[in-house]
Amino acid sequence: MPERLRAQIEEVRQAARRPWPLPHPPEDLLAMGVTGNGDYLFWATQPSGVPDEWTIAVNEALRAPWFTYNGTVTEFLVDVLSANVRVPMFPSDLLDGGVTFTPSQLRSTATATASRTSVSTHVIREWARANGYDLPERGRIPIEIIQAWEQANPR
């Protein structure tokens, strides 16, 4: 877990009247997510180098209590979203509205283009040479040439 997060957890833990135990050594906890309520989700990274065997630990906003799940993150999500497992620090009405998934916004600035029917690169090369482009027989065709060919040959 990042040093800053480890320090925050230890500070809160030690400030408690009775410091509570961690479910795993801090160096074995790898933060993987945080809920809208500030609950942290961690992988317990033992055995080292075998991520398919890592288990899950959930922490309530860097305080006690901790919840541990003996399974993979996929199994955890399936069990929580199927109401097979109740995580005490998650809101009791978590599933009341049903389960929905909204993908995050794409961060790419590239725009998606409609796909064309596959065209032979040989055809594009012949067109490019006939239209004054200098293009070798083999290798990648520059995007500018492909775009010029597409403009000259609309669907």
C-alpha atoms as a PDB file:
ATOM      1  CA  MET A   1       0.000   0.000   0.000  1.00  0.00           C
ATOM      2  CA  PRO A   2       1.319   3.494  -0.632  1.00  0.00           C
ATOM      3  CA  GLU A   3       3.332   4.848   2.283  1.00  0.00           C
ATOM      4  CA  ARG A   4       0.958   7.803   2.752  1.00  0.00           C
ATOM      5  CA  LEU A   5      -2.094   5.544   3.052  1.00  0.00           C
ATOM      6  CA  ARG A   6      -0.231   3.175   5.371  1.00  0.00           C
ATOM      7  CA  ALA A   7       0.718   6.148   7.585  1.00  0.00           C
ATOM      8  CA  GLN A   8      -2.887   7.405   7.659  1.00  0.00           C
ATOM      9  CA  ILE A   9      -4.222   4.009   8.711  1.00  0.00           C
ATOM     10  CA  GLU A  10      -1.559   3.656  11.401  1.00  0.00           C
ATOM     11  CA  GLU A  11      -2.222   7.182  12.698  1.00  0.00           C
ATOM     12  CA  VAL A  12      -5.969   6.558  13.008  1.00  0.00           C
ATOM     13  CA  ARG A  13      -5.369   3.102  14.496  1.00  0.00           C
ATOM     14  CA  GLN A  14      -2.974   4.402  17.165  1.00  0.00           C
ATOM     15  CA  ALA A  15      -5.252   7.354  18.010  1.00  0.00           C
ATOM     16  CA  ALA A  16      -8.051   4.945  18.925  1.00  0.00           C
ATOM     17  CA  ARG A  17      -8.619   4.218  22.612  1.00  0.00           C
ATOM     18  CA  ARG A  18      -7.658   0.624  21.948  1.00  0.00           C
ATOM     19  CA  PRO A  19      -5.614   0.227  18.748  1.00  0.00           C
ATOM     20  CA  TRP A  20      -7.301  -2.383  16.586  1.00  0.00           C
ATOM     21  CA  PRO A  21      -5.457  -5.103  14.736  1.00  0.00           C
ATOM     22  CA  LEU A  22      -5.005  -5.109  10.988  1.00  0.00           C
ATOM     23  CA  PRO A  23      -6.187  -8.262   9.194  1.00  0.00           C
ATOM     24  CA  HIS A  24      -2.910  -8.444   7.245  1.00  0.00           C
ATOM     25  CA  PRO A  25       0.534  -6.870   7.559  1.00  0.00           C
ATOM     26  CA  PRO A  26       0.417  -3.359   6.012  1.00  0.00           C
ATOM     27  CA  GLU A  27       3.157  -4.236   3.525  1.00  0.00           C
ATOM     28  CA  ASP A  28       0.876  -6.985   2.123  1.00  0.00           C
ATOM     29  CA  LEU A  29      -2.073  -4.634   1.494  1.00  0.00           C
ATOM     30  CA  LEU A  30      -2.408  -3.149  -1.988  1.00  0.00           C
ATOM     31  CA  ALA A  31      -5.109  -0.490  -2.361  1.00  0.00           C
ATOM     32  CA  MET A  32      -7.287  -1.222  -5.394  1.00  0.00           C
ATOM     33  CA  GLY A  33     -10.351   0.934  -4.937  1.00  0.00           C
ATOM     34  CA  VAL A  34     -12.423   3.237  -2.804  1.00  0.00           C
ATOM     35  CA  THR A  35     -16.198   3.473  -2.535  1.00  0.00           C
ATOM     36  CA  GLY A  36     -18.287   6.625  -2.601  1.00  0.00           C
ATOM     37  CA  ASN A  37     -18.517   6.313   1.199  1.00  0.00           C
ATOM     38  CA  GLY A  38     -14.741   6.312   1.636  1.00  0.00           C
ATOM     39  CA  ASP A  39     -14.394   2.564   2.232  1.00  0.00           C
ATOM     40  CA  TYR A  40     -11.084   1.237   0.884  1.00  0.00           C
ATOM     41  CA  LEU A  41     -10.732  -2.075  -0.927  1.00  0.00           C
ATOM     42  CA  PHE A  42      -7.382  -3.843  -0.746  1.00  0.00           C
ATOM     43  CA  TRP A  43      -5.807  -6.948  -2.166  1.00  0.00           C
ATOM     44  CA  ALA A  44      -3.987  -8.980   0.467  1.00  0.00           C
ATOM     45  CA  THR A  45      -0.974  -9.797  -1.702  1.00  0.00           C
ATOM     46  CA  GLN A  46       0.019 -13.140  -0.236  1.00  0.00           C
ATOM     47  CA  PRO A  47       1.223 -15.442  -1.578  1.00  0.00           C
ATOM     48  CA  SER A  48       3.536 -12.972  -3.275  1.00  0.00           C
ATOM     49  CA  GLY A  49       3.544 -13.209  -7.053  1.00  0.00           C
ATOM     50  CA  VAL A  50       0.347 -15.307  -7.212  1.00  0.00           C
ATOM     51  CA  PRO A  51      -2.441 -12.728  -7.723  1.00  0.00           C
ATOM     52  CA  ASP A  52      -5.049 -15.407  -8.476  1.00  0.00           C
ATOM     53  CA  GLU A  53      -4.795 -16.410  -4.806  1.00  0.00           C
ATOM     54  CA  TRP A  54      -4.917 -12.910  -3.289  1.00  0.00           C
ATOM     55  CA  THR A  55      -7.856 -12.224  -1.025  1.00  0.00           C
ATOM     56  CA  ILE A  56      -9.823  -9.050  -0.345  1.00  0.00           C
ATOM     57  CA  ALA A  57      -9.850  -6.721   2.660  1.00  0.00           C
ATOM     58  CA  VAL A  58     -12.300  -3.833   3.040  1.00  0.00           C
ATOM     59  CA  ASN A  59     -11.674  -0.995   5.469  1.00  0.00           C
ATOM     60  CA  GLU A  60     -14.251   1.493   6.682  1.00  0.00           C
ATOM     61  CA  ALA A  61     -12.817   4.921   5.833  1.00  0.00           C
ATOM     62  CA  LEU A  62      -9.385   4.062   7.299  1.00  0.00           C
ATOM     63  CA  ARG A  63     -10.896   2.987  10.640  1.00  0.00           C
ATOM     64  CA  ALA A  64     -11.919  -0.258  12.269  1.00  0.00           C
ATOM     65  CA  PRO A  65     -13.613  -2.542  11.503  1.00  0.00           C
ATOM     66  CA  TRP A  66     -12.087  -4.477   8.660  1.00  0.00           C
ATOM     67  CA  PHE A  67     -13.925  -7.025   6.553  1.00  0.00           C
ATOM     68  CA  THR A  68     -12.029  -9.811   4.824  1.00  0.00           C
ATOM     69  CA  TYR A  69     -13.164 -11.998   1.955  1.00  0.00           C
ATOM     70  CA  ASN A  70     -11.396 -15.232   1.124  1.00  0.00           C
ATOM     71  CA  GLY A  71     -11.607 -15.154  -2.661  1.00  0.00           C
ATOM     72  CA  THR A  72     -10.623 -13.204  -5.743  1.00  0.00           C
ATOM     73  CA  VAL A  73     -11.872  -9.716  -6.569  1.00  0.00           C
ATOM     74  CA  THR A  74     -14.149 -11.176  -9.250  1.00  0.00           C
ATOM     75  CA  GLU A  75     -15.677 -13.629  -6.771  1.00  0.00           C
ATOM     76  CA  PHE A  76     -16.040 -10.801  -4.242  1.00  0.00           C
ATOM     77  CA  LEU A  77     -17.889  -8.552  -6.687  1.00  0.00           C
ATOM     78  CA  VAL A  78     -20.165 -11.370  -7.860  1.00  0.00           C
ATOM     79  CA  ASP A  79     -20.997 -12.340  -4.269  1.00  0.00           C
ATOM     80  CA  VAL A  80     -21.612  -8.753  -3.117  1.00  0.00           C
ATOM     81  CA  LEU A  81     -23.685  -7.784  -6.164  1.00  0.00           C
ATOM     82  CA  SER A  82     -25.668 -11.043  -5.979  1.00  0.00           C
ATOM     83  CA  ALA A  83     -26.375 -10.410  -2.276  1.00  0.00           C
ATOM     84  CA  ASN A  84     -24.573 -13.635  -1.325  1.00  0.00           C
ATOM     85  CA  VAL A  85     -22.175 -11.713   0.917  1.00  0.00           C
ATOM     86  CA  ARG A  86     -22.977  -8.717   3.091  1.00  0.00           C
ATOM     87  CA  VAL A  87     -20.111  -6.324   3.787  1.00  0.00           C
ATOM     88  CA  PRO A  88     -21.034  -4.671   7.114  1.00  0.00           C
ATOM     89  CA  MET A  89     -19.599  -1.264   6.248  1.00  0.00           C
ATOM     90  CA  PHE A  90     -21.424  -1.042   2.906  1.00  0.00           C
ATOM     91  CA  PRO A  91     -24.830   0.688   3.066  1.00  0.00           C
ATOM     92  CA  SER A  92     -27.707  -1.689   3.856  1.00  0.00           C
ATOM     93  CA  ASP A  93     -29.610  -0.341   0.845  1.00  0.00           C
ATOM     94  CA  LEU A  94     -26.679  -0.929  -1.530  1.00  0.00           C
ATOM     95  CA  LEU A  95     -28.658  -3.207  -3.851  1.00  0.00           C
ATOM     96  CA  ASP A  96     -32.114  -1.631  -3.426  1.00  0.00           C
ATOM     97  CA  GLY A  97     -31.969   0.112  -6.795  1.00  0.00           C
ATOM     98  CA  GLY A  98     -30.750  -2.995  -8.598  1.00  0.00           C
ATOM     99  CA  VAL A  99     -27.325  -3.592 -10.006  1.00  0.00           C
ATOM    100  CA  THR A 100     -26.209  -1.280 -12.782  1.00  0.00           C
ATOM    101  CA  PHE A 101     -22.897  -0.669 -14.435  1.00  0.00           C
ATOM    102  CA  THR A 102     -21.830   2.634 -15.892  1.00  0.00           C
ATOM    103  CA  PRO A 103     -18.430   2.587 -17.552  1.00  0.00           C
ATOM    104  CA  SER A 104     -16.173   5.494 -16.786  1.00  0.00           C
ATOM    105  CA  GLN A 105     -15.631   8.128 -19.432  1.00  0.00           C
ATOM    106  CA  LEU A 106     -13.043   7.324 -22.050  1.00  0.00           C
ATOM    107  CA  ARG A 107      -9.879   9.288 -21.491  1.00  0.00           C
ATOM    108  CA  SER A 108      -8.712   8.970 -25.066  1.00  0.00           C
ATOM    109  CA  THR A 109      -8.960  11.985 -27.319  1.00  0.00           C
ATOM    110  CA  ALA A 110      -9.029   9.762 -30.392  1.00  0.00           C
ATOM    111  CA  THR A 111     -12.372   9.634 -32.114  1.00  0.00           C
ATOM    112  CA  ALA A 112     -13.944   6.376 -33.108  1.00  0.00           C
ATOM    113  CA  THR A 113     -14.472   5.932 -36.812  1.00  0.00           C
ATOM    114  CA  ALA A 114     -16.985   3.745 -38.529  1.00  0.00           C
ATOM    115  CA  SER A 115     -15.344   0.667 -39.922  1.00  0.00           C
ATOM    116  CA  ARG A 116     -15.218   0.203 -43.659  1.00  0.00           C
ATOM    117  CA  THR A 117     -15.354  -2.973 -45.578  1.00  0.00           C
ATOM    118  CA  SER A 118     -11.847  -4.353 -45.722  1.00  0.00           C
ATOM    119  CA  VAL A 119      -9.915  -3.054 -48.710  1.00  0.00           C
ATOM    120  CA  SER A 120      -6.741  -4.562 -50.038  1.00  0.00           C
ATOM    121  CA  THR A 121      -3.651  -2.543 -49.192  1.00  0.00           C
ATOM    122  CA  HIS A 122      -2.546  -3.282 -52.764  1.00  0.00           C
ATOM    123  CA  VAL A 123      -5.540  -1.265 -54.042  1.00  0.00           C
ATOM    124  CA  ILE A 124      -4.679   1.663 -51.759  1.00  0.00           C
ATOM    125  CA  ARG A 125      -0.999   1.538 -52.815  1.00  0.00           C
ATOM    126  CA  GLU A 126      -1.915   1.602 -56.520  1.00  0.00           C
ATOM    127  CA  TRP A 127      -4.270   4.547 -55.936  1.00  0.00           C
ATOM    128  CA  ALA A 128      -1.608   6.378 -53.899  1.00  0.00           C
ATOM    129  CA  ARG A 129       1.068   6.002 -56.589  1.00  0.00           C
ATOM    130  CA  ALA A 130      -1.385   7.052 -59.319  1.00  0.00           C
ATOM    131  CA  ASN A 131      -2.119  10.176 -57.268  1.00  0.00           C
ATOM    132  CA  GLY A 132       1.484  11.226 -56.695  1.00  0.00           C
ATOM    133  CA  TYR A 133       2.208   9.639 -53.308  1.00  0.00           C
ATOM    134  CA  ASP A 134       5.629   8.030 -52.846  1.00  0.00           C
ATOM    135  CA  LEU A 135       4.945   4.686 -51.222  1.00  0.00           C
ATOM    136  CA  PRO A 136       7.097   1.524 -51.028  1.00  0.00           C
ATOM    137  CA  GLU A 137       5.737  -1.899 -52.033  1.00  0.00           C
ATOM    138  CA  ARG A 138       5.725  -3.131 -48.445  1.00  0.00           C
ATOM    139  CA  GLY A 139       5.279  -1.759 -44.959  1.00  0.00           C
ATOM    140  CA  ARG A 140       2.717   0.302 -43.184  1.00  0.00           C
ATOM    141  CA  ILE A 141       0.613   2.736 -45.185  1.00  0.00           C
ATOM    142  CA  PRO A 142       0.608   6.175 -43.516  1.00  0.00           C
ATOM    143  CA  ILE A 143      -2.772   7.194 -42.102  1.00  0.00           C
ATOM    144  CA  GLU A 144      -2.769  10.358 -44.225  1.00  0.00           C
ATOM    145  CA  ILE A 145      -2.743   8.230 -47.386  1.00  0.00           C
ATOM    146  CA  ILE A 146      -5.500   5.950 -46.092  1.00  0.00           C
ATOM    147  CA  GLN A 147      -7.619   8.983 -45.196  1.00  0.00           C
ATOM    148  CA  ALA A 148      -7.003  10.527 -48.630  1.00  0.00           C
ATOM    149  CA  TRP A 149      -8.005   7.234 -50.297  1.00  0.00           C
ATOM    150  CA  GLU A 150     -11.169   7.050 -48.142  1.00  0.00           C
ATOM    151  CA  GLN A 151     -12.067  10.627 -49.077  1.00  0.00           C
ATOM    152  CA  ALA A 152     -11.562   9.855 -52.768  1.00  0.00           C
ATOM    153  CA  ASN A 153     -13.509   6.581 -52.502  1.00  0.00           C
ATOM    154  CA  PRO A 154     -16.597   7.171 -50.359  1.00  0.00           C
ATOM    155  CA  ARG A 155     -18.736   4.165 -49.567  1.00  0.00           C
END
